Amino acid sequence: MLGTPPPSESNDGPHHWYSAGQGYAEGWAMSEPDEQRSFTEACLHGVRARLCGDIDALDGYLPPHVAELARRIAGVLKVPQSATA
């Protein structure tokens, strides 16, 4: 698949697997979003946004549903206080 021409369409088996591999490499094989992965990603981004104080930046680089959840997570977190010795 790396730099080689695809098999001819008349050769059904190899052409099918070549097409499936191309699609997987391009990311369409996972067309359904994994909810656990989205939730975990939102949690991590929410924590980071709260710690950095940059909650508004979430909309710039996350899919809308993940950004909304990250914003909600960041909203319920408290800003850490520095420990006094």
N, C-alpha and C. Protein backbone atom coordinates (compact mmCIF):
# COMPACT_ATOMS: atom_id res chain seq x y z
N MET A 1 0.81 -1.19 0.00
CA MET A 1 0.00 0.00 0.00
C MET A 1 0.86 1.26 0.00
N LEU A 2 2.07 1.14 0.43
CA LEU A 2 2.93 2.32 0.51
C LEU A 2 3.63 2.53 -0.82
N GLY A 3 3.03 3.33 -1.67
CA GLY A 3 3.66 3.69 -2.94
C GLY A 3 3.45 2.70 -4.06
N THR A 4 2.75 1.61 -3.83
CA THR A 4 2.52 0.65 -4.89
C THR A 4 1.15 0.92 -5.51
N PRO A 5 0.98 0.60 -6.77
CA PRO A 5 -0.33 0.82 -7.39
C PRO A 5 -1.34 -0.15 -6.82
N PRO A 6 -2.61 0.25 -6.77
CA PRO A 6 -3.63 -0.65 -6.24
C PRO A 6 -3.85 -1.84 -7.17
N PRO A 7 -4.31 -2.96 -6.63
CA PRO A 7 -4.63 -4.11 -7.47
C PRO A 7 -5.78 -3.76 -8.42
N SER A 8 -5.85 -4.46 -9.52
CA SER A 8 -6.91 -4.18 -10.49
C SER A 8 -8.27 -4.52 -9.88
N GLU A 9 -9.29 -3.80 -10.33
CA GLU A 9 -10.63 -4.02 -9.80
C GLU A 9 -11.18 -5.38 -10.21
N SER A 10 -10.62 -5.96 -11.26
CA SER A 10 -11.09 -7.28 -11.69
C SER A 10 -10.66 -8.36 -10.69
N ASN A 11 -9.63 -8.09 -9.93
CA ASN A 11 -9.15 -9.03 -8.92
C ASN A 11 -9.82 -8.66 -7.59
N ASP A 12 -11.02 -9.17 -7.37
CA ASP A 12 -11.91 -8.72 -6.31
C ASP A 12 -11.33 -8.78 -4.90
N GLY A 13 -10.76 -9.87 -4.49
CA GLY A 13 -10.26 -10.03 -3.11
C GLY A 13 -9.19 -9.01 -2.74
N PRO A 14 -8.06 -9.00 -3.47
CA PRO A 14 -7.01 -8.04 -3.13
C PRO A 14 -7.47 -6.58 -3.25
N HIS A 15 -8.31 -6.29 -4.25
CA HIS A 15 -8.78 -4.91 -4.40
C HIS A 15 -9.64 -4.50 -3.19
N HIS A 16 -10.48 -5.42 -2.72
CA HIS A 16 -11.32 -5.13 -1.55
C HIS A 16 -10.45 -4.83 -0.33
N TRP A 17 -9.44 -5.67 -0.08
CA TRP A 17 -8.60 -5.47 1.10
C TRP A 17 -7.74 -4.23 0.96
N TYR A 18 -7.32 -3.93 -0.24
CA TYR A 18 -6.55 -2.70 -0.48
C TYR A 18 -7.41 -1.48 -0.15
N SER A 19 -8.66 -1.48 -0.64
CA SER A 19 -9.57 -0.37 -0.38
C SER A 19 -9.87 -0.24 1.11
N ALA A 20 -10.07 -1.36 1.78
CA ALA A 20 -10.34 -1.32 3.22
C ALA A 20 -9.14 -0.76 3.98
N GLY A 21 -7.95 -1.17 3.59
CA GLY A 21 -6.74 -0.65 4.23
C GLY A 21 -6.56 0.84 4.00
N GLN A 22 -6.84 1.29 2.77
CA GLN A 22 -6.77 2.73 2.47
C GLN A 22 -7.73 3.50 3.35
N GLY A 23 -8.95 3.00 3.46
CA GLY A 23 -9.96 3.68 4.27
C GLY A 23 -9.57 3.74 5.73
N TYR A 24 -9.03 2.65 6.24
CA TYR A 24 -8.60 2.62 7.63
C TYR A 24 -7.48 3.62 7.85
N ALA A 25 -6.54 3.69 6.92
CA ALA A 25 -5.43 4.62 7.04
C ALA A 25 -5.91 6.06 7.00
N GLU A 26 -7.00 6.32 6.29
CA GLU A 26 -7.53 7.67 6.19
C GLU A 26 -8.51 7.99 7.30
N GLY A 27 -8.82 7.01 8.15
CA GLY A 27 -9.65 7.27 9.32
C GLY A 27 -11.13 7.03 9.17
N TRP A 28 -11.63 6.63 8.02
CA TRP A 28 -13.07 6.44 7.91
C TRP A 28 -13.54 5.13 8.49
N ALA A 29 -12.65 4.25 8.84
CA ALA A 29 -13.07 2.97 9.42
C ALA A 29 -13.70 3.18 10.80
N MET A 30 -13.38 4.27 11.44
CA MET A 30 -13.93 4.56 12.75
C MET A 30 -14.92 5.72 12.63
N SER A 31 -15.92 5.56 11.77
CA SER A 31 -16.87 6.64 11.53
C SER A 31 -17.74 6.90 12.75
N GLU A 32 -18.02 5.90 13.55
CA GLU A 32 -18.79 6.09 14.77
C GLU A 32 -17.83 6.55 15.87
N PRO A 33 -18.12 7.69 16.50
CA PRO A 33 -17.22 8.14 17.56
C PRO A 33 -17.31 7.22 18.78
N ASP A 34 -16.19 6.90 19.33
CA ASP A 34 -16.14 6.09 20.54
C ASP A 34 -16.45 6.99 21.72
N GLU A 35 -17.57 6.74 22.40
CA GLU A 35 -18.03 7.62 23.48
C GLU A 35 -17.05 7.65 24.64
N GLN A 36 -16.44 6.54 24.99
CA GLN A 36 -15.47 6.53 26.09
C GLN A 36 -14.25 7.36 25.73
N ARG A 37 -13.81 7.24 24.49
CA ARG A 37 -12.66 8.02 24.06
C ARG A 37 -12.99 9.52 24.06
N SER A 38 -14.19 9.87 23.57
CA SER A 38 -14.60 11.28 23.56
C SER A 38 -14.68 11.82 24.98
N PHE A 39 -15.23 11.03 25.90
CA PHE A 39 -15.34 11.46 27.29
C PHE A 39 -13.97 11.66 27.92
N THR A 40 -13.07 10.71 27.70
CA THR A 40 -11.72 10.81 28.25
C THR A 40 -11.00 12.02 27.69
N GLU A 41 -11.13 12.24 26.38
CA GLU A 41 -10.51 13.39 25.75
C GLU A 41 -11.07 14.69 26.33
N ALA A 42 -12.39 14.74 26.52
CA ALA A 42 -13.02 15.94 27.09
C ALA A 42 -12.53 16.18 28.52
N CYS A 43 -12.40 15.13 29.31
CA CYS A 43 -11.90 15.28 30.68
C CYS A 43 -10.49 15.86 30.70
N LEU A 44 -9.63 15.31 29.88
CA LEU A 44 -8.25 15.79 29.84
C LEU A 44 -8.17 17.24 29.38
N HIS A 45 -8.92 17.58 28.34
CA HIS A 45 -8.91 18.96 27.85
C HIS A 45 -9.55 19.91 28.86
N GLY A 46 -10.59 19.45 29.56
CA GLY A 46 -11.24 20.28 30.57
C GLY A 46 -10.30 20.59 31.73
N VAL A 47 -9.57 19.58 32.19
CA VAL A 47 -8.60 19.79 33.27
C VAL A 47 -7.51 20.75 32.81
N ARG A 48 -7.00 20.52 31.62
CA ARG A 48 -5.93 21.39 31.10
C ARG A 48 -6.42 22.83 30.95
N ALA A 49 -7.63 22.99 30.43
CA ALA A 49 -8.18 24.33 30.25
C ALA A 49 -8.35 25.04 31.59
N ARG A 50 -8.80 24.31 32.60
CA ARG A 50 -8.98 24.92 33.93
C ARG A 50 -7.64 25.31 34.52
N LEU A 51 -6.64 24.43 34.41
CA LEU A 51 -5.32 24.73 34.97
C LEU A 51 -4.65 25.90 34.27
N CYS A 52 -4.86 26.00 32.95
CA CYS A 52 -4.24 27.07 32.17
C CYS A 52 -5.09 28.33 32.14
N GLY A 53 -6.33 28.23 32.58
CA GLY A 53 -7.23 29.38 32.54
C GLY A 53 -7.61 29.76 31.13
N ASP A 54 -7.66 28.80 30.24
CA ASP A 54 -7.91 29.08 28.83
C ASP A 54 -9.11 28.27 28.32
N ILE A 55 -10.23 28.42 28.98
CA ILE A 55 -11.41 27.63 28.64
C ILE A 55 -11.96 28.01 27.27
N ASP A 56 -11.86 29.27 26.88
CA ASP A 56 -12.39 29.71 25.59
C ASP A 56 -11.66 29.10 24.40
N ALA A 57 -10.43 28.67 24.60
CA ALA A 57 -9.64 28.11 23.50
C ALA A 57 -10.12 26.72 23.10
N LEU A 58 -10.95 26.08 23.92
CA LEU A 58 -11.42 24.73 23.61
C LEU A 58 -12.16 24.67 22.29
N ASP A 59 -12.88 25.74 21.95
CA ASP A 59 -13.65 25.75 20.71
C ASP A 59 -12.77 25.79 19.47
N GLY A 60 -11.53 26.21 19.62
CA GLY A 60 -10.65 26.37 18.47
C GLY A 60 -10.08 25.09 17.93
N TYR A 61 -9.97 24.06 18.75
CA TYR A 61 -9.27 22.87 18.27
C TYR A 61 -9.97 21.55 18.58
N LEU A 62 -11.15 21.59 19.19
CA LEU A 62 -11.88 20.36 19.49
C LEU A 62 -13.17 20.29 18.70
N PRO A 63 -13.64 19.08 18.41
CA PRO A 63 -14.98 18.95 17.82
C PRO A 63 -16.01 19.56 18.78
N PRO A 64 -17.09 20.10 18.27
CA PRO A 64 -18.05 20.81 19.12
C PRO A 64 -18.58 20.00 20.31
N HIS A 65 -18.89 18.71 20.11
CA HIS A 65 -19.44 17.94 21.23
C HIS A 65 -18.40 17.68 22.31
N VAL A 66 -17.14 17.53 21.93
CA VAL A 66 -16.07 17.32 22.91
C VAL A 66 -15.77 18.64 23.62
N ALA A 67 -15.77 19.75 22.88
CA ALA A 67 -15.50 21.06 23.48
C ALA A 67 -16.57 21.41 24.51
N GLU A 68 -17.83 21.12 24.20
CA GLU A 68 -18.92 21.41 25.14
C GLU A 68 -18.75 20.61 26.43
N LEU A 69 -18.44 19.34 26.32
CA LEU A 69 -18.25 18.51 27.50
C LEU A 69 -17.01 18.97 28.28
N ALA A 70 -15.93 19.31 27.59
CA ALA A 70 -14.72 19.80 28.25
C ALA A 70 -15.01 21.10 29.00
N ARG A 71 -15.82 21.98 28.40
CA ARG A 71 -16.20 23.23 29.05
C ARG A 71 -17.00 22.94 30.33
N ARG A 72 -17.90 21.98 30.27
CA ARG A 72 -18.69 21.62 31.45
C ARG A 72 -17.80 21.03 32.55
N ILE A 73 -16.85 20.21 32.16
CA ILE A 73 -15.93 19.62 33.13
C ILE A 73 -15.06 20.71 33.76
N ALA A 74 -14.54 21.59 32.94
CA ALA A 74 -13.72 22.68 33.47
C ALA A 74 -14.52 23.57 34.40
N GLY A 75 -15.82 23.72 34.12
CA GLY A 75 -16.66 24.57 34.94
C GLY A 75 -16.88 24.06 36.35
N VAL A 76 -16.83 22.76 36.55
CA VAL A 76 -17.07 22.22 37.88
C VAL A 76 -15.78 22.02 38.68
N LEU A 77 -14.65 22.18 38.03
CA LEU A 77 -13.38 22.02 38.73
C LEU A 77 -13.00 23.32 39.44
N LYS A 78 -12.39 23.18 40.59
CA LYS A 78 -11.90 24.36 41.31
C LYS A 78 -10.45 24.60 40.90
N VAL A 79 -10.08 25.86 40.91
CA VAL A 79 -8.70 26.21 40.62
C VAL A 79 -7.86 25.78 41.81
N PRO A 80 -6.78 25.04 41.57
CA PRO A 80 -5.97 24.55 42.71
C PRO A 80 -5.32 25.73 43.44
N GLN A 81 -5.31 25.61 44.76
CA GLN A 81 -4.65 26.61 45.60
C GLN A 81 -3.26 26.13 45.93
N SER A 82 -2.33 27.06 45.98
CA SER A 82 -0.97 26.66 46.31
C SER A 82 -0.91 26.26 47.78
N ALA A 83 -0.14 25.24 48.05
CA ALA A 83 -0.02 24.73 49.40
C ALA A 83 0.82 25.68 50.26
N THR A 84 0.39 25.90 51.46
CA THR A 84 1.17 26.73 52.38
C THR A 84 1.85 25.83 53.39
N ALA A 85 3.09 26.04 53.59
CA ALA A 85 3.85 25.16 54.48
C ALA A 85 3.94 25.69 55.87
